[in-house]
C-alpha atoms as a PDB file:
ATOM      1  CA  UNK A   1       0.000   0.000   0.000  1.00  0.00           C
ATOM      2  CA  UNK A   2       0.924   3.624   0.046  1.00  0.00           C
ATOM      3  CA  UNK A   3       3.286   4.938   2.682  1.00  0.00           C
ATOM      4  CA  UNK A   4       3.348   8.441   4.107  1.00  0.00           C
ATOM      5  CA  UNK A   5       6.318  10.716   3.536  1.00  0.00           C
ATOM      6  CA  UNK A   6       7.075  10.678   7.271  1.00  0.00           C
ATOM      7  CA  UNK A   7       6.993   6.862   7.509  1.00  0.00           C
ATOM      8  CA  UNK A   8       9.158   6.492   4.415  1.00  0.00           C
ATOM      9  CA  UNK A   9      11.699   8.956   5.791  1.00  0.00           C
ATOM     10  CA  UNK A  10      11.853   7.008   9.057  1.00  0.00           C
ATOM     11  CA  UNK A  11      12.450   3.745   7.153  1.00  0.00           C
ATOM     12  CA  UNK A  12      15.090   5.473   5.026  1.00  0.00           C
ATOM     13  CA  UNK A  13      16.840   6.418   8.260  1.00  0.00           C
ATOM     14  CA  UNK A  14      16.694   2.812   9.541  1.00  0.00           C
ATOM     15  CA  UNK A  15      13.871   3.455  11.985  1.00  0.00           C
ATOM     16  CA  UNK A  16      10.251   2.419  12.396  1.00  0.00           C
ATOM     17  CA  UNK A  17       7.679   5.181  11.871  1.00  0.00           C
ATOM     18  CA  UNK A  18       7.557   5.639  15.674  1.00  0.00           C
ATOM     19  CA  UNK A  19      11.339   6.253  15.740  1.00  0.00           C
ATOM     20  CA  UNK A  20      12.386   2.827  17.081  1.00  0.00           C
ATOM     21  CA  UNK A  21      15.710   1.726  15.513  1.00  0.00           C
ATOM     22  CA  UNK A  22      15.349  -1.160  13.037  1.00  0.00           C
ATOM     23  CA  UNK A  23      19.087  -1.600  12.460  1.00  0.00           C
ATOM     24  CA  UNK A  24      22.047  -1.653  14.823  1.00  0.00           C
ATOM     25  CA  UNK A  25      23.506   1.761  13.948  1.00  0.00           C
ATOM     26  CA  UNK A  26      20.834   3.777  12.134  1.00  0.00           C
ATOM     27  CA  UNK A  27      22.692   7.050  12.618  1.00  0.00           C
ATOM     28  CA  UNK A  28      26.090   5.792  11.442  1.00  0.00           C
ATOM     29  CA  UNK A  29      27.725   8.186   9.018  1.00  0.00           C
ATOM     30  CA  UNK A  30      28.025   6.722   5.519  1.00  0.00           C
ATOM     31  CA  UNK A  31      25.570   3.874   6.207  1.00  0.00           C
ATOM     32  CA  UNK A  32      24.144   2.337   3.034  1.00  0.00           C
ATOM     33  CA  UNK A  33      20.498   3.374   3.211  1.00  0.00           C
ATOM     34  CA  UNK A  34      19.063   1.639   0.141  1.00  0.00           C
ATOM     35  CA  UNK A  35      19.616   0.291  -3.363  1.00  0.00           C
ATOM     36  CA  UNK A  36      17.761   1.702  -6.389  1.00  0.00           C
ATOM     37  CA  UNK A  37      16.829  -1.089  -8.775  1.00  0.00           C
ATOM     38  CA  UNK A  38      15.410   0.171 -12.066  1.00  0.00           C
ATOM     39  CA  UNK A  39      13.248  -1.950 -14.355  1.00  0.00           C
ATOM     40  CA  UNK A  40      12.750  -0.344 -17.790  1.00  0.00           C
ATOM     41  CA  UNK A  41      10.512  -1.626 -20.560  1.00  0.00           C
ATOM     42  CA  UNK A  42      11.972  -1.842 -24.091  1.00  0.00           C
ATOM     43  CA  UNK A  43      11.717   1.319 -26.208  1.00  0.00           C
ATOM     44  CA  UNK A  44       8.993  -0.176 -28.432  1.00  0.00           C
ATOM     45  CA  UNK A  45       6.874  -0.807 -25.329  1.00  0.00           C
ATOM     46  CA  UNK A  46       7.405   2.748 -24.081  1.00  0.00           C
ATOM     47  CA  UNK A  47       6.345   4.166 -27.445  1.00  0.00           C
ATOM     48  CA  UNK A  48       3.299   1.920 -27.636  1.00  0.00           C
ATOM     49  CA  UNK A  49       2.371   2.822 -24.057  1.00  0.00           C
ATOM     50  CA  UNK A  50       2.733   6.570 -24.723  1.00  0.00           C
ATOM     51  CA  UNK A  51       0.603   6.480 -27.890  1.00  0.00           C
ATOM     52  CA  UNK A  52      -2.155   4.080 -26.813  1.00  0.00           C
ATOM     53  CA  UNK A  53      -5.670   4.527 -25.551  1.00  0.00           C
ATOM     54  CA  UNK A  54      -6.127   4.521 -21.744  1.00  0.00           C
ATOM     55  CA  UNK A  55      -7.330   0.882 -21.609  1.00  0.00           C
ATOM     56  CA  UNK A  56      -4.194  -0.340 -23.409  1.00  0.00           C
ATOM     57  CA  UNK A  57      -1.947   1.836 -21.254  1.00  0.00           C
ATOM     58  CA  UNK A  58      -3.482   0.341 -18.112  1.00  0.00           C
ATOM     59  CA  UNK A  59      -2.824  -3.169 -19.445  1.00  0.00           C
ATOM     60  CA  UNK A  60       0.784  -2.319 -20.260  1.00  0.00           C
ATOM     61  CA  UNK A  61       1.289  -0.824 -16.803  1.00  0.00           C
ATOM     62  CA  UNK A  62      -0.236  -3.945 -15.222  1.00  0.00           C
ATOM     63  CA  UNK A  63       2.183  -6.141 -17.199  1.00  0.00           C
ATOM     64  CA  UNK A  64       5.042  -3.910 -16.007  1.00  0.00           C
ATOM     65  CA  UNK A  65       3.891  -4.116 -12.387  1.00  0.00           C
ATOM     66  CA  UNK A  66       3.565  -7.908 -12.589  1.00  0.00           C
ATOM     67  CA  UNK A  67       7.055  -8.297 -14.058  1.00  0.00           C
ATOM     68  CA  UNK A  68       8.568  -6.003 -11.411  1.00  0.00           C
ATOM     69  CA  UNK A  69       6.750  -7.944  -8.691  1.00  0.00           C
ATOM     70  CA  UNK A  70       8.102 -11.258 -10.018  1.00  0.00           C
ATOM     71  CA  UNK A  71      11.669  -9.905 -10.038  1.00  0.00           C
ATOM     72  CA  UNK A  72      11.301  -8.495  -6.540  1.00  0.00           C
ATOM     73  CA  UNK A  73       9.870 -11.793  -5.249  1.00  0.00           C
ATOM     74  CA  UNK A  74      12.842 -13.604  -6.760  1.00  0.00           C
ATOM     75  CA  UNK A  75      15.273 -11.198  -5.089  1.00  0.00           C
ATOM     76  CA  UNK A  76      13.553 -11.573  -1.749  1.00  0.00           C
ATOM     77  CA  UNK A  77      13.642 -15.378  -2.025  1.00  0.00           C
ATOM     78  CA  UNK A  78      17.255 -15.624  -3.228  1.00  0.00           C
ATOM     79  CA  UNK A  79      18.936 -12.512  -1.836  1.00  0.00           C
ATOM     80  CA  UNK A  80      16.928 -11.513   1.235  1.00  0.00           C
ATOM     81  CA  UNK A  81      19.669 -12.104   3.794  1.00  0.00           C
ATOM     82  CA  UNK A  82      20.551 -10.267   6.984  1.00  0.00           C
ATOM     83  CA  UNK A  83      23.425 -10.770   9.390  1.00  0.00           C
ATOM     84  CA  UNK A  84      23.423 -11.255  13.135  1.00  0.00           C
ATOM     85  CA  UNK A  85      25.898 -12.119  15.854  1.00  0.00           C
ATOM     86  CA  UNK A  86      29.483 -11.151  16.498  1.00  0.00           C
ATOM     87  CA  UNK A  87      30.906  -9.609  13.332  1.00  0.00           C
ATOM     88  CA  UNK A  88      27.702 -10.515  11.465  1.00  0.00           C
ATOM     89  CA  UNK A  89      28.788 -14.164  11.318  1.00  0.00           C
ATOM     90  CA  UNK A  90      25.233 -15.584  11.304  1.00  0.00           C
ATOM     91  CA  UNK A  91      23.318 -15.183   8.031  1.00  0.00           C
ATOM     92  CA  UNK A  92      19.518 -15.384   8.144  1.00  0.00           C
ATOM     93  CA  UNK A  93      16.704 -15.158   5.624  1.00  0.00           C
ATOM     94  CA  UNK A  94      14.870 -11.843   5.656  1.00  0.00           C
ATOM     95  CA  UNK A  95      11.927 -10.198   3.937  1.00  0.00           C
ATOM     96  CA  UNK A  96      12.815  -7.092   1.952  1.00  0.00           C
ATOM     97  CA  UNK A  97      11.388  -3.647   2.658  1.00  0.00           C
ATOM     98  CA  UNK A  98      10.891  -1.905  -0.685  1.00  0.00           C
ATOM     99  CA  UNK A  99       8.967   0.902  -2.363  1.00  0.00           C
ATOM    100  CA  UNK A 100       8.153   1.175  -6.050  1.00  0.00           C
ATOM    101  CA  UNK A 101       7.948   4.381  -8.068  1.00  0.00           C
ATOM    102  CA  UNK A 102       6.640   4.225 -11.645  1.00  0.00           C
ATOM    103  CA  UNK A 103       7.781   6.861 -14.147  1.00  0.00           C
ATOM    104  CA  UNK A 104       6.731   7.448 -17.751  1.00  0.00           C
ATOM    105  CA  UNK A 105       9.534   9.590 -19.147  1.00  0.00           C
ATOM    106  CA  UNK A 106      13.308   9.674 -19.304  1.00  0.00           C
ATOM    107  CA  UNK A 107      15.332  12.622 -18.037  1.00  0.00           C
ATOM    108  CA  UNK A 108      15.245  13.893 -21.634  1.00  0.00           C
ATOM    109  CA  UNK A 109      11.403  13.750 -21.465  1.00  0.00           C
ATOM    110  CA  UNK A 110      11.196  10.908 -24.008  1.00  0.00           C
ATOM    111  CA  UNK A 111       8.618   8.184 -23.358  1.00  0.00           C
ATOM    112  CA  UNK A 112      10.284   5.630 -21.088  1.00  0.00           C
ATOM    113  CA  UNK A 113       8.056   3.541 -18.862  1.00  0.00           C
ATOM    114  CA  UNK A 114      10.173   2.311 -15.960  1.00  0.00           C
ATOM    115  CA  UNK A 115       9.873   1.462 -12.299  1.00  0.00           C
ATOM    116  CA  UNK A 116      12.357   2.331  -9.586  1.00  0.00           C
ATOM    117  CA  UNK A 117      12.372  -0.166  -6.729  1.00  0.00           C
ATOM    118  CA  UNK A 118      14.012   1.302  -3.686  1.00  0.00           C
ATOM    119  CA  UNK A 119      15.130  -1.636  -1.535  1.00  0.00           C
ATOM    120  CA  UNK A 120      15.755  -0.184   1.888  1.00  0.00           C
ATOM    121  CA  UNK A 121      18.639  -1.507   3.966  1.00  0.00           C
ATOM    122  CA  UNK A 122      16.267  -3.146   6.453  1.00  0.00           C
ATOM    123  CA  UNK A 123      15.454  -6.844   6.454  1.00  0.00           C
ATOM    124  CA  UNK A 124      12.710  -8.480   8.516  1.00  0.00           C
ATOM    125  CA  UNK A 125      13.810 -11.854   9.891  1.00  0.00           C
ATOM    126  CA  UNK A 126      11.485 -14.815  10.398  1.00  0.00           C
ATOM    127  CA  UNK A 127      11.352 -14.134  14.154  1.00  0.00           C
ATOM    128  CA  UNK A 128      10.145 -10.558  13.485  1.00  0.00           C
ATOM    129  CA  UNK A 129      13.416  -8.851  14.407  1.00  0.00           C
ATOM    130  CA  UNK A 130      15.089  -6.552  11.920  1.00  0.00           C
ATOM    131  CA  UNK A 131      18.586  -5.796  10.736  1.00  0.00           C
ATOM    132  CA  UNK A 132      20.575  -4.494   7.798  1.00  0.00           C
ATOM    133  CA  UNK A 133      20.756  -6.533   4.606  1.00  0.00           C
ATOM    134  CA  UNK A 134      23.807  -8.460   3.486  1.00  0.00           C
ATOM    135  CA  UNK A 135      24.452  -6.764   0.129  1.00  0.00           C
ATOM    136  CA  UNK A 136      26.505  -9.427  -1.658  1.00  0.00           C
ATOM    137  CA  UNK A 137      23.489 -11.652  -2.476  1.00  0.00           C
ATOM    138  CA  UNK A 138      21.691  -8.637  -3.992  1.00  0.00           C
ATOM    139  CA  UNK A 139      24.605  -8.049  -6.351  1.00  0.00           C
ATOM    140  CA  UNK A 140      24.979 -11.761  -7.077  1.00  0.00           C
ATOM    141  CA  UNK A 141      21.332 -12.059  -8.183  1.00  0.00           C
ATOM    142  CA  UNK A 142      20.725  -8.711  -9.903  1.00  0.00           C
ATOM    143  CA  UNK A 143      21.333 -10.003 -13.450  1.00  0.00           C
ATOM    144  CA  UNK A 144      19.079 -13.025 -12.940  1.00  0.00           C
ATOM    145  CA  UNK A 145      16.368 -10.744 -11.506  1.00  0.00           C
ATOM    146  CA  UNK A 146      16.641  -8.532 -14.611  1.00  0.00           C
ATOM    147  CA  UNK A 147      16.343 -11.537 -16.925  1.00  0.00           C
ATOM    148  CA  UNK A 148      13.307 -12.794 -15.010  1.00  0.00           C
ATOM    149  CA  UNK A 149      11.748  -9.328 -15.237  1.00  0.00           C
ATOM    150  CA  UNK A 150      12.207  -9.214 -19.035  1.00  0.00           C
ATOM    151  CA  UNK A 151      10.812 -12.742 -19.445  1.00  0.00           C
ATOM    152  CA  UNK A 152       7.751 -11.977 -17.297  1.00  0.00           C
ATOM    153  CA  UNK A 153       7.178  -8.700 -19.128  1.00  0.00           C
ATOM    154  CA  UNK A 154       7.349 -10.456 -22.495  1.00  0.00           C
ATOM    155  CA  UNK A 155       4.826 -13.076 -21.302  1.00  0.00           C
ATOM    156  CA  UNK A 156       2.564 -10.312 -20.005  1.00  0.00           C
ATOM    157  CA  UNK A 157       2.769  -8.511 -23.315  1.00  0.00           C
ATOM    158  CA  UNK A 158       1.873 -11.600 -25.303  1.00  0.00           C
ATOM    159  CA  UNK A 159      -1.075 -12.143 -22.925  1.00  0.00           C
ATOM    160  CA  UNK A 160      -2.270  -8.653 -23.924  1.00  0.00           C
ATOM    161  CA  UNK A 161      -2.316  -9.829 -27.558  1.00  0.00           C
ATOM    162  CA  UNK A 162       0.925  -8.286 -28.788  1.00  0.00           C
ATOM    163  CA  UNK A 163       3.492 -10.160 -30.816  1.00  0.00           C
ATOM    164  CA  UNK A 164       7.049  -9.899 -29.539  1.00  0.00           C
ATOM    165  CA  UNK A 165      10.420 -10.798 -30.975  1.00  0.00           C
ATOM    166  CA  UNK A 166      13.690 -11.457 -29.191  1.00  0.00           C
ATOM    167  CA  UNK A 167      16.299  -8.711 -29.256  1.00  0.00           C
ATOM    168  CA  UNK A 168      19.780  -8.195 -27.887  1.00  0.00           C
ATOM    169  CA  UNK A 169      18.356  -6.673 -24.704  1.00  0.00           C
ATOM    170  CA  UNK A 170      15.298  -8.904 -24.253  1.00  0.00           C
ATOM    171  CA  UNK A 171      12.434  -8.286 -26.649  1.00  0.00           C
ATOM    172  CA  UNK A 172      10.670  -5.693 -28.757  1.00  0.00           C
ATOM    173  CA  UNK A 173       7.073  -5.417 -29.926  1.00  0.00           C
ATOM    174  CA  UNK A 174       6.633  -6.471 -33.552  1.00  0.00           C
ATOM    175  CA  UNK A 175       5.516  -3.575 -35.743  1.00  0.00           C
ATOM    176  CA  UNK A 176       6.618  -0.735 -33.481  1.00  0.00           C
END
């Protein structure tokens, strides 16, 4: 669901919305606060999205959201790891805390449908405690998450009735 600006700021700072610390040293200078993962549709999809009727645009955005969700679920399953114990020696599974932000243009104001996923440096362990994420698994699985995203997006596009063809970077929509 939606999060308030105040709650998001608290999470960004490694704290719960009530100010309770969620990580060991939330105020540490230079602490990694988050990772920005960006999932961009192919250019042909962005153009089609920008020039389509509202119903088609909604379908394209739903396919984008589904593909982003699949990639994020994969990352949580494979790379959601936090550390505990002396020197962080104990690795534990953790749920990710993330926010998504959908944009429709590039910095140059060209059509570019993409979603930023801000994965905050807070993991929720199975016992409900929290801690910072172990970043190495995120880096180790980022390429696989991107490939899964592109595959899911292509499937979603074909489900909308579009024909796709493989390209060097994933796929493009035939005829665009």
